Amino acid sequence: MQGLYAVYDIVSLLTSALIMLIIIQFVIGLLFAFNVVSPSNQFLMSFYNSINSLLDPVLRPIRNIMPATGAIDFSPLVLIITLQIILIILGAVIKSV
């Protein structure tokens, strides 16, 4: 039983880290979009590209399934909601065992 709680804690930690990366990507993207920070800032641009390269394999299948909504990308929101649903289901399954 303790092993299941450990697995849940690990999945929860990884989910939290992924959600934080999604939020950081969103904020940096907004900073670039509204010219608060110049895209010529090499440090921030390389950081943003690194986060994009980490998240793109996860977000691309969601983007392929979702209809085009113009300039707004809802795939990060869908990913966050899906991860939260998985955590809730996993927690319920562990508590029922």
PDB file of N, CA and C in Angstrom:
ATOM      1  N   MET A   1       0.812  -1.192   0.000  1.00  0.00           N
ATOM      2  CA  MET A   1       0.000   0.000   0.000  1.00  0.00           C
ATOM      3  C   MET A   1       0.862   1.264   0.000  1.00  0.00           C
ATOM      4  N   GLN A   2       1.954   1.234   0.755  1.00  0.00           N
ATOM      5  CA  GLN A   2       2.847   2.385   0.794  1.00  0.00           C
ATOM      6  C   GLN A   2       3.469   2.644  -0.576  1.00  0.00           C
ATOM      7  N   GLY A   3       3.672   1.577  -1.333  1.00  0.00           N
ATOM      8  CA  GLY A   3       4.237   1.723  -2.666  1.00  0.00           C
ATOM      9  C   GLY A   3       3.322   2.512  -3.589  1.00  0.00           C
ATOM     10  N   LEU A   4       2.013   2.290  -3.439  1.00  0.00           N
ATOM     11  CA  LEU A   4       1.055   3.028  -4.260  1.00  0.00           C
ATOM     12  C   LEU A   4       1.055   4.510  -3.914  1.00  0.00           C
ATOM     13  N   TYR A   5       1.181   4.816  -2.627  1.00  0.00           N
ATOM     14  CA  TYR A   5       1.252   6.220  -2.229  1.00  0.00           C
ATOM     15  C   TYR A   5       2.528   6.870  -2.753  1.00  0.00           C
ATOM     16  N   ALA A   6       3.612   6.114  -2.780  1.00  0.00           N
ATOM     17  CA  ALA A   6       4.864   6.642  -3.322  1.00  0.00           C
ATOM     18  C   ALA A   6       4.729   6.919  -4.818  1.00  0.00           C
ATOM     19  N   VAL A   7       4.090   6.020  -5.546  1.00  0.00           N
ATOM     20  CA  VAL A   7       3.866   6.221  -6.979  1.00  0.00           C
ATOM     21  C   VAL A   7       2.993   7.455  -7.206  1.00  0.00           C
ATOM     22  N   TYR A   8       1.947   7.597  -6.383  1.00  0.00           N
ATOM     23  CA  TYR A   8       1.073   8.761  -6.498  1.00  0.00           C
ATOM     24  C   TYR A   8       1.844  10.048  -6.226  1.00  0.00           C
ATOM     25  N   ASP A   9       2.696  10.042  -5.217  1.00  0.00           N
ATOM     26  CA  ASP A   9       3.482  11.235  -4.902  1.00  0.00           C
ATOM     27  C   ASP A   9       4.442  11.590  -6.041  1.00  0.00           C
ATOM     28  N   ILE A  10       5.038  10.593  -6.656  1.00  0.00           N
ATOM     29  CA  ILE A  10       5.959  10.838  -7.768  1.00  0.00           C
ATOM     30  C   ILE A  10       5.199  11.396  -8.970  1.00  0.00           C
ATOM     31  N   VAL A  11       4.055  10.805  -9.286  1.00  0.00           N
ATOM     32  CA  VAL A  11       3.242  11.296 -10.408  1.00  0.00           C
ATOM     33  C   VAL A  11       2.754  12.709 -10.119  1.00  0.00           C
ATOM     34  N   SER A  12       2.376  12.977  -8.882  1.00  0.00           N
ATOM     35  CA  SER A  12       1.921  14.310  -8.502  1.00  0.00           C
ATOM     36  C   SER A  12       3.048  15.335  -8.637  1.00  0.00           C
ATOM     37  N   LEU A  13       4.240  14.979  -8.235  1.00  0.00           N
ATOM     38  CA  LEU A  13       5.387  15.874  -8.353  1.00  0.00           C
ATOM     39  C   LEU A  13       5.715  16.168  -9.814  1.00  0.00           C
ATOM     40  N   LEU A  14       5.719  15.139 -10.653  1.00  0.00           N
ATOM     41  CA  LEU A  14       6.001  15.338 -12.071  1.00  0.00           C
ATOM     42  C   LEU A  14       4.911  16.172 -12.746  1.00  0.00           C
ATOM     43  N   THR A  15       3.667  15.952 -12.343  1.00  0.00           N
ATOM     44  CA  THR A  15       2.565  16.738 -12.882  1.00  0.00           C
ATOM     45  C   THR A  15       2.702  18.203 -12.496  1.00  0.00           C
ATOM     46  N   SER A  16       3.049  18.457 -11.253  1.00  0.00           N
ATOM     47  CA  SER A  16       3.237  19.837 -10.800  1.00  0.00           C
ATOM     48  C   SER A  16       4.373  20.520 -11.558  1.00  0.00           C
ATOM     49  N   ALA A  17       5.454  19.800 -11.786  1.00  0.00           N
ATOM     50  CA  ALA A  17       6.580  20.371 -12.532  1.00  0.00           C
ATOM     51  C   ALA A  17       6.174  20.680 -13.968  1.00  0.00           C
ATOM     52  N   LEU A  18       5.411  19.791 -14.583  1.00  0.00           N
ATOM     53  CA  LEU A  18       4.959  20.018 -15.953  1.00  0.00           C
ATOM     54  C   LEU A  18       4.009  21.206 -16.035  1.00  0.00           C
ATOM     55  N   ILE A  19       3.134  21.340 -15.067  1.00  0.00           N
ATOM     56  CA  ILE A  19       2.209  22.471 -15.041  1.00  0.00           C
ATOM     57  C   ILE A  19       2.973  23.780 -14.855  1.00  0.00           C
ATOM     58  N   MET A  20       3.980  23.776 -14.010  1.00  0.00           N
ATOM     59  CA  MET A  20       4.781  24.989 -13.828  1.00  0.00           C
ATOM     60  C   MET A  20       5.507  25.367 -15.119  1.00  0.00           C
ATOM     61  N   LEU A  21       6.018  24.388 -15.854  1.00  0.00           N
ATOM     62  CA  LEU A  21       6.663  24.681 -17.135  1.00  0.00           C
ATOM     63  C   LEU A  21       5.667  25.277 -18.128  1.00  0.00           C
ATOM     64  N   ILE A  22       4.444  24.762 -18.133  1.00  0.00           N
ATOM     65  CA  ILE A  22       3.411  25.294 -19.030  1.00  0.00           C
ATOM     66  C   ILE A  22       3.105  26.745 -18.673  1.00  0.00           C
ATOM     67  N   ILE A  23       2.997  27.038 -17.395  1.00  0.00           N
ATOM     68  CA  ILE A  23       2.708  28.412 -16.965  1.00  0.00           C
ATOM     69  C   ILE A  23       3.864  29.342 -17.310  1.00  0.00           C
ATOM     70  N   ILE A  24       5.096  28.895 -17.105  1.00  0.00           N
ATOM     71  CA  ILE A  24       6.265  29.711 -17.446  1.00  0.00           C
ATOM     72  C   ILE A  24       6.307  29.978 -18.940  1.00  0.00           C
ATOM     73  N   GLN A  25       6.034  28.961 -19.746  1.00  0.00           N
ATOM     74  CA  GLN A  25       5.993  29.135 -21.196  1.00  0.00           C
ATOM     75  C   GLN A  25       4.928  30.158 -21.583  1.00  0.00           C
ATOM     76  N   PHE A  26       3.778  30.086 -20.953  1.00  0.00           N
ATOM     77  CA  PHE A  26       2.689  31.014 -21.249  1.00  0.00           C
ATOM     78  C   PHE A  26       3.078  32.449 -20.901  1.00  0.00           C
ATOM     79  N   VAL A  27       3.670  32.640 -19.738  1.00  0.00           N
ATOM     80  CA  VAL A  27       4.042  33.993 -19.299  1.00  0.00           C
ATOM     81  C   VAL A  27       5.130  34.576 -20.201  1.00  0.00           C
ATOM     82  N   ILE A  28       6.133  33.799 -20.515  1.00  0.00           N
ATOM     83  CA  ILE A  28       7.193  34.303 -21.389  1.00  0.00           C
ATOM     84  C   ILE A  28       6.634  34.615 -22.772  1.00  0.00           C
ATOM     85  N   GLY A  29       5.735  33.775 -23.266  1.00  0.00           N
ATOM     86  CA  GLY A  29       5.098  34.043 -24.551  1.00  0.00           C
ATOM     87  C   GLY A  29       4.313  35.348 -24.535  1.00  0.00           C
ATOM     88  N   LEU A  30       3.617  35.619 -23.426  1.00  0.00           N
ATOM     89  CA  LEU A  30       2.898  36.883 -23.298  1.00  0.00           C
ATOM     90  C   LEU A  30       3.856  38.069 -23.260  1.00  0.00           C
ATOM     91  N   LEU A  31       4.963  37.916 -22.557  1.00  0.00           N
ATOM     92  CA  LEU A  31       5.950  38.989 -22.494  1.00  0.00           C
ATOM     93  C   LEU A  31       6.500  39.319 -23.877  1.00  0.00           C
ATOM     94  N   PHE A  32       6.735  38.282 -24.677  1.00  0.00           N
ATOM     95  CA  PHE A  32       7.202  38.508 -26.044  1.00  0.00           C
ATOM     96  C   PHE A  32       6.096  39.113 -26.905  1.00  0.00           C
ATOM     97  N   ALA A  33       4.876  38.628 -26.755  1.00  0.00           N
ATOM     98  CA  ALA A  33       3.768  39.072 -27.608  1.00  0.00           C
ATOM     99  C   ALA A  33       3.435  40.542 -27.397  1.00  0.00           C
ATOM    100  N   PHE A  34       3.521  41.004 -26.162  1.00  0.00           N
ATOM    101  CA  PHE A  34       3.174  42.389 -25.870  1.00  0.00           C
ATOM    102  C   PHE A  34       4.397  43.298 -25.798  1.00  0.00           C
ATOM    103  N   ASN A  35       5.527  42.816 -26.277  1.00  0.00           N
ATOM    104  CA  ASN A  35       6.776  43.589 -26.341  1.00  0.00           C
ATOM    105  C   ASN A  35       7.213  44.150 -24.990  1.00  0.00           C
ATOM    106  N   VAL A  36       6.913  43.428 -23.936  1.00  0.00           N
ATOM    107  CA  VAL A  36       7.442  43.804 -22.628  1.00  0.00           C
ATOM    108  C   VAL A  36       8.919  43.441 -22.581  1.00  0.00           C
ATOM    109  N   VAL A  37       9.233  42.297 -23.183  1.00  0.00           N
ATOM    110  CA  VAL A  37      10.615  41.843 -23.312  1.00  0.00           C
ATOM    111  C   VAL A  37      10.884  41.653 -24.794  1.00  0.00           C
ATOM    112  N   SER A  38      12.008  42.109 -25.232  1.00  0.00           N
ATOM    113  CA  SER A  38      12.358  41.990 -26.646  1.00  0.00           C
ATOM    114  C   SER A  38      12.743  40.550 -26.982  1.00  0.00           C
ATOM    115  N   PRO A  39      12.271  40.035 -28.102  1.00  0.00           N
ATOM    116  CA  PRO A  39      12.702  38.688 -28.522  1.00  0.00           C
ATOM    117  C   PRO A  39      14.193  38.595 -28.825  1.00  0.00           C
ATOM    118  N   SER A  40      14.873  39.743 -28.901  1.00  0.00           N
ATOM    119  CA  SER A  40      16.322  39.707 -29.121  1.00  0.00           C
ATOM    120  C   SER A  40      17.092  39.423 -27.832  1.00  0.00           C
ATOM    121  N   ASN A  41      16.399  39.342 -26.696  1.00  0.00           N
ATOM    122  CA  ASN A  41      17.018  38.955 -25.430  1.00  0.00           C
ATOM    123  C   ASN A  41      17.414  37.482 -25.538  1.00  0.00           C
ATOM    124  N   GLN A  42      18.699  37.224 -25.711  1.00  0.00           N
ATOM    125  CA  GLN A  42      19.179  35.876 -26.000  1.00  0.00           C
ATOM    126  C   GLN A  42      18.914  34.888 -24.865  1.00  0.00           C
ATOM    127  N   PHE A  43      19.074  35.329 -23.623  1.00  0.00           N
ATOM    128  CA  PHE A  43      18.873  34.412 -22.500  1.00  0.00           C
ATOM    129  C   PHE A  43      17.426  33.953 -22.422  1.00  0.00           C
ATOM    130  N   LEU A  44      16.505  34.899 -22.457  1.00  0.00           N
ATOM    131  CA  LEU A  44      15.095  34.555 -22.335  1.00  0.00           C
ATOM    132  C   LEU A  44      14.612  33.779 -23.552  1.00  0.00           C
ATOM    133  N   MET A  45      15.100  34.117 -24.721  1.00  0.00           N
ATOM    134  CA  MET A  45      14.703  33.397 -25.926  1.00  0.00           C
ATOM    135  C   MET A  45      15.203  31.957 -25.909  1.00  0.00           C
ATOM    136  N   SER A  46      16.421  31.732 -25.443  1.00  0.00           N
ATOM    137  CA  SER A  46      16.936  30.361 -25.364  1.00  0.00           C
ATOM    138  C   SER A  46      16.198  29.568 -24.295  1.00  0.00           C
ATOM    139  N   PHE A  47      15.841  30.220 -23.190  1.00  0.00           N
ATOM    140  CA  PHE A  47      15.055  29.565 -22.141  1.00  0.00           C
ATOM    141  C   PHE A  47      13.671  29.191 -22.676  1.00  0.00           C
ATOM    142  N   TYR A  48      13.052  30.114 -23.397  1.00  0.00           N
ATOM    143  CA  TYR A  48      11.736  29.876 -23.992  1.00  0.00           C
ATOM    144  C   TYR A  48      11.795  28.745 -25.019  1.00  0.00           C
ATOM    145  N   ASN A  49      12.828  28.725 -25.845  1.00  0.00           N
ATOM    146  CA  ASN A  49      12.981  27.653 -26.833  1.00  0.00           C
ATOM    147  C   ASN A  49      13.222  26.307 -26.163  1.00  0.00           C
ATOM    148  N   SER A  50      13.943  26.296 -25.052  1.00  0.00           N
ATOM    149  CA  SER A  50      14.171  25.046 -24.317  1.00  0.00           C
ATOM    150  C   SER A  50      12.864  24.497 -23.760  1.00  0.00           C
ATOM    151  N   ILE A  51      12.059  25.371 -23.176  1.00  0.00           N
ATOM    152  CA  ILE A  51      10.762  24.932 -22.649  1.00  0.00           C
ATOM    153  C   ILE A  51       9.871  24.446 -23.788  1.00  0.00           C
ATOM    154  N   ASN A  52       9.885  25.157 -24.911  1.00  0.00           N
ATOM    155  CA  ASN A  52       9.084  24.727 -26.056  1.00  0.00           C
ATOM    156  C   ASN A  52       9.517  23.361 -26.566  1.00  0.00           C
ATOM    157  N   SER A  53      10.819  23.110 -26.596  1.00  0.00           N
ATOM    158  CA  SER A  53      11.290  21.809 -27.077  1.00  0.00           C
ATOM    159  C   SER A  53      10.908  20.686 -26.112  1.00  0.00           C
ATOM    160  N   LEU A  54      10.778  20.999 -24.818  1.00  0.00           N
ATOM    161  CA  LEU A  54      10.327  19.994 -23.854  1.00  0.00           C
ATOM    162  C   LEU A  54       8.825  19.734 -23.955  1.00  0.00           C
ATOM    163  N   LEU A  55       8.051  20.792 -24.139  1.00  0.00           N
ATOM    164  CA  LEU A  55       6.598  20.665 -24.112  1.00  0.00           C
ATOM    165  C   LEU A  55       5.985  20.337 -25.473  1.00  0.00           C
ATOM    166  N   ASP A  56       6.680  20.630 -26.558  1.00  0.00           N
ATOM    167  CA  ASP A  56       6.095  20.422 -27.882  1.00  0.00           C
ATOM    168  C   ASP A  56       5.701  18.967 -28.156  1.00  0.00           C
ATOM    169  N   PRO A  57       6.503  17.959 -27.780  1.00  0.00           N
ATOM    170  CA  PRO A  57       6.052  16.579 -28.021  1.00  0.00           C
ATOM    171  C   PRO A  57       4.777  16.212 -27.253  1.00  0.00           C
ATOM    172  N   VAL A  58       4.523  16.863 -26.146  1.00  0.00           N
ATOM    173  CA  VAL A  58       3.319  16.577 -25.372  1.00  0.00           C
ATOM    174  C   VAL A  58       2.131  17.365 -25.921  1.00  0.00           C
ATOM    175  N   LEU A  59       2.376  18.607 -26.337  1.00  0.00           N
ATOM    176  CA  LEU A  59       1.290  19.468 -26.790  1.00  0.00           C
ATOM    177  C   LEU A  59       0.903  19.230 -28.254  1.00  0.00           C
ATOM    178  N   ARG A  60       1.813  18.743 -29.084  1.00  0.00           N
ATOM    179  CA  ARG A  60       1.527  18.571 -30.508  1.00  0.00           C
ATOM    180  C   ARG A  60       0.355  17.638 -30.772  1.00  0.00           C
ATOM    181  N   PRO A  61       0.248  16.466 -30.116  1.00  0.00           N
ATOM    182  CA  PRO A  61      -0.929  15.619 -30.375  1.00  0.00           C
ATOM    183  C   PRO A  61      -2.246  16.288 -29.980  1.00  0.00           C
ATOM    184  N   ILE A  62      -2.215  17.090 -28.924  1.00  0.00           N
ATOM    185  CA  ILE A  62      -3.426  17.795 -28.514  1.00  0.00           C
ATOM    186  C   ILE A  62      -3.782  18.846 -29.558  1.00  0.00           C
ATOM    187  N   ARG A  63      -2.781  19.546 -30.071  1.00  0.00           N
ATOM    188  CA  ARG A  63      -3.021  20.561 -31.106  1.00  0.00           C
ATOM    189  C   ARG A  63      -3.571  19.938 -32.383  1.00  0.00           C
ATOM    190  N   ASN A  64      -3.129  18.705 -32.688  1.00  0.00           N
ATOM    191  CA  ASN A  64      -3.623  18.033 -33.889  1.00  0.00           C
ATOM    192  C   ASN A  64      -5.086  17.629 -33.759  1.00  0.00           C
ATOM    193  N   ILE A  65      -5.515  17.305 -32.554  1.00  0.00           N
ATOM    194  CA  ILE A  65      -6.895  16.872 -32.328  1.00  0.00           C
ATOM    195  C   ILE A  65      -7.842  18.060 -32.257  1.00  0.00           C
ATOM    196  N   MET A  66      -7.399  19.131 -31.621  1.00  0.00           N
ATOM    197  CA  MET A  66      -8.270  20.286 -31.407  1.00  0.00           C
ATOM    198  C   MET A  66      -8.474  21.079 -32.688  1.00  0.00           C
ATOM    199  N   PRO A  67      -9.656  21.684 -32.838  1.00  0.00           N
ATOM    200  CA  PRO A  67      -9.872  22.546 -34.007  1.00  0.00           C
ATOM    201  C   PRO A  67      -9.073  23.836 -33.878  1.00  0.00           C
ATOM    202  N   ALA A  68      -8.754  24.445 -35.004  1.00  0.00           N
ATOM    203  CA  ALA A  68      -8.002  25.700 -35.018  1.00  0.00           C
ATOM    204  C   ALA A  68      -8.871  26.817 -34.445  1.00  0.00           C
ATOM    205  N   THR A  69      -8.309  27.546 -33.480  1.00  0.00           N
ATOM    206  CA  THR A  69      -9.064  28.633 -32.838  1.00  0.00           C
ATOM    207  C   THR A  69      -8.446  29.994 -33.129  1.00  0.00           C
ATOM    208  N   GLY A  70      -7.598  30.066 -34.107  1.00  0.00           N
ATOM    209  CA  GLY A  70      -6.976  31.339 -34.444  1.00  0.00           C
ATOM    210  C   GLY A  70      -5.703  31.549 -33.661  1.00  0.00           C
ATOM    211  N   ALA A  71      -5.576  32.710 -33.060  1.00  0.00           N
ATOM    212  CA  ALA A  71      -4.338  33.073 -32.370  1.00  0.00           C
ATOM    213  C   ALA A  71      -4.236  32.461 -30.978  1.00  0.00           C
ATOM    214  N   ILE A  72      -5.343  31.962 -30.437  1.00  0.00           N
ATOM    215  CA  ILE A  72      -5.336  31.432 -29.076  1.00  0.00           C
ATOM    216  C   ILE A  72      -5.106  29.925 -29.115  1.00  0.00           C
ATOM    217  N   ASP A  73      -4.111  29.469 -28.365  1.00  0.00           N
ATOM    218  CA  ASP A  73      -3.785  28.053 -28.295  1.00  0.00           C
ATOM    219  C   ASP A  73      -4.306  27.501 -26.972  1.00  0.00           C
ATOM    220  N   PHE A  74      -5.315  26.647 -27.046  1.00  0.00           N
ATOM    221  CA  PHE A  74      -5.917  26.079 -25.849  1.00  0.00           C
ATOM    222  C   PHE A  74      -5.291  24.738 -25.445  1.00  0.00           C
ATOM    223  N   SER A  75      -4.318  24.254 -26.185  1.00  0.00           N
ATOM    224  CA  SER A  75      -3.735  22.951 -25.871  1.00  0.00           C
ATOM    225  C   SER A  75      -3.052  22.914 -24.500  1.00  0.00           C
ATOM    226  N   PRO A  76      -2.374  23.972 -24.017  1.00  0.00           N
ATOM    227  CA  PRO A  76      -1.832  23.900 -22.657  1.00  0.00           C
ATOM    228  C   PRO A  76      -2.926  23.764 -21.592  1.00  0.00           C
ATOM    229  N   LEU A  77      -4.038  24.452 -21.788  1.00  0.00           N
ATOM    230  CA  LEU A  77      -5.145  24.346 -20.848  1.00  0.00           C
ATOM    231  C   LEU A  77      -5.725  22.928 -20.846  1.00  0.00           C
ATOM    232  N   VAL A  78      -5.872  22.347 -22.023  1.00  0.00           N
ATOM    233  CA  VAL A  78      -6.374  20.977 -22.125  1.00  0.00           C
ATOM    234  C   VAL A  78      -5.422  20.010 -21.434  1.00  0.00           C
ATOM    235  N   LEU A  79      -4.119  20.218 -21.599  1.00  0.00           N
ATOM    236  CA  LEU A  79      -3.131  19.355 -20.955  1.00  0.00           C
ATOM    237  C   LEU A  79      -3.197  19.473 -19.442  1.00  0.00           C
ATOM    238  N   ILE A  80      -3.310  20.692 -18.929  1.00  0.00           N
ATOM    239  CA  ILE A  80      -3.389  20.884 -17.479  1.00  0.00           C
ATOM    240  C   ILE A  80      -4.641  20.211 -16.916  1.00  0.00           C
ATOM    241  N   ILE A  81      -5.771  20.383 -17.568  1.00  0.00           N
ATOM    242  CA  ILE A  81      -7.010  19.753 -17.096  1.00  0.00           C
ATOM    243  C   ILE A  81      -6.905  18.230 -17.156  1.00  0.00           C
ATOM    244  N   THR A  82      -6.328  17.707 -18.234  1.00  0.00           N
ATOM    245  CA  THR A  82      -6.152  16.259 -18.365  1.00  0.00           C
ATOM    246  C   THR A  82      -5.243  15.709 -17.274  1.00  0.00           C
ATOM    247  N   LEU A  83      -4.153  16.404 -16.978  1.00  0.00           N
ATOM    248  CA  LEU A  83      -3.248  15.950 -15.917  1.00  0.00           C
ATOM    249  C   LEU A  83      -3.941  15.961 -14.557  1.00  0.00           C
ATOM    250  N   GLN A  84      -4.752  16.977 -14.306  1.00  0.00           N
ATOM    251  CA  GLN A  84      -5.477  17.040 -13.038  1.00  0.00           C
ATOM    252  C   GLN A  84      -6.501  15.916 -12.936  1.00  0.00           C
ATOM    253  N   ILE A  85      -7.181  15.604 -14.037  1.00  0.00           N
ATOM    254  CA  ILE A  85      -8.145  14.500 -14.038  1.00  0.00           C
ATOM    255  C   ILE A  85      -7.441  13.175 -13.766  1.00  0.00           C
ATOM    256  N   ILE A  86      -6.284  12.979 -14.378  1.00  0.00           N
ATOM    257  CA  ILE A  86      -5.520  11.748 -14.148  1.00  0.00           C
ATOM    258  C   ILE A  86      -5.118  11.642 -12.679  1.00  0.00           C
ATOM    259  N   LEU A  87      -4.686  12.747 -12.083  1.00  0.00           N
ATOM    260  CA  LEU A  87      -4.321  12.725 -10.661  1.00  0.00           C
ATOM    261  C   LEU A  87      -5.515  12.385  -9.785  1.00  0.00           C
ATOM    262  N   ILE A  88      -6.675  12.940 -10.079  1.00  0.00           N
ATOM    263  CA  ILE A  88      -7.870  12.663  -9.298  1.00  0.00           C
ATOM    264  C   ILE A  88      -8.253  11.192  -9.410  1.00  0.00           C
ATOM    265  N   ILE A  89      -8.232  10.661 -10.618  1.00  0.00           N
ATOM    266  CA  ILE A  89      -8.575   9.249 -10.816  1.00  0.00           C
ATOM    267  C   ILE A  89      -7.575   8.352 -10.128  1.00  0.00           C
ATOM    268  N   LEU A  90      -6.285   8.649 -10.275  1.00  0.00           N
ATOM    269  CA  LEU A  90      -5.240   7.846  -9.627  1.00  0.00           C
ATOM    270  C   LEU A  90      -5.385   7.881  -8.107  1.00  0.00           C
ATOM    271  N   GLY A  91      -5.674   9.051  -7.551  1.00  0.00           N
ATOM    272  CA  GLY A  91      -5.879   9.162  -6.109  1.00  0.00           C
ATOM    273  C   GLY A  91      -7.078   8.372  -5.650  1.00  0.00           C
ATOM    274  N   ALA A  92      -8.162   8.394  -6.414  1.00  0.00           N
ATOM    275  CA  ALA A  92      -9.354   7.628  -6.044  1.00  0.00           C
ATOM    276  C   ALA A  92      -9.111   6.139  -6.105  1.00  0.00           C
ATOM    277  N   VAL A  93      -8.358   5.695  -7.113  1.00  0.00           N
ATOM    278  CA  VAL A  93      -8.052   4.273  -7.232  1.00  0.00           C
ATOM    279  C   VAL A  93      -7.170   3.822  -6.067  1.00  0.00           C
ATOM    280  N   ILE A  94      -6.214   4.628  -5.691  1.00  0.00           N
ATOM    281  CA  ILE A  94      -5.320   4.262  -4.580  1.00  0.00           C
ATOM    282  C   ILE A  94      -6.092   4.225  -3.265  1.00  0.00           C
ATOM    283  N   LYS A  95      -7.006   5.160  -3.043  1.00  0.00           N
ATOM    284  CA  LYS A  95      -7.775   5.157  -1.802  1.00  0.00           C
ATOM    285  C   LYS A  95      -8.745   3.993  -1.715  1.00  0.00           C
ATOM    286  N   SER A  96      -9.208   3.505  -2.882  1.00  0.00           N
ATOM    287  CA  SER A  96     -10.150   2.405  -2.861  1.00  0.00           C
ATOM    288  C   SER A  96      -9.475   1.050  -2.647  1.00  0.00           C
ATOM    289  N   VAL A  97      -8.167   0.999  -2.829  1.00  0.00           N
ATOM    290  CA  VAL A  97      -7.437  -0.276  -2.668  1.00  0.00           C
ATOM    291  C   VAL A  97      -7.158  -0.552  -1.232  1.00  0.00           C
TER     292      VAL A  97
END
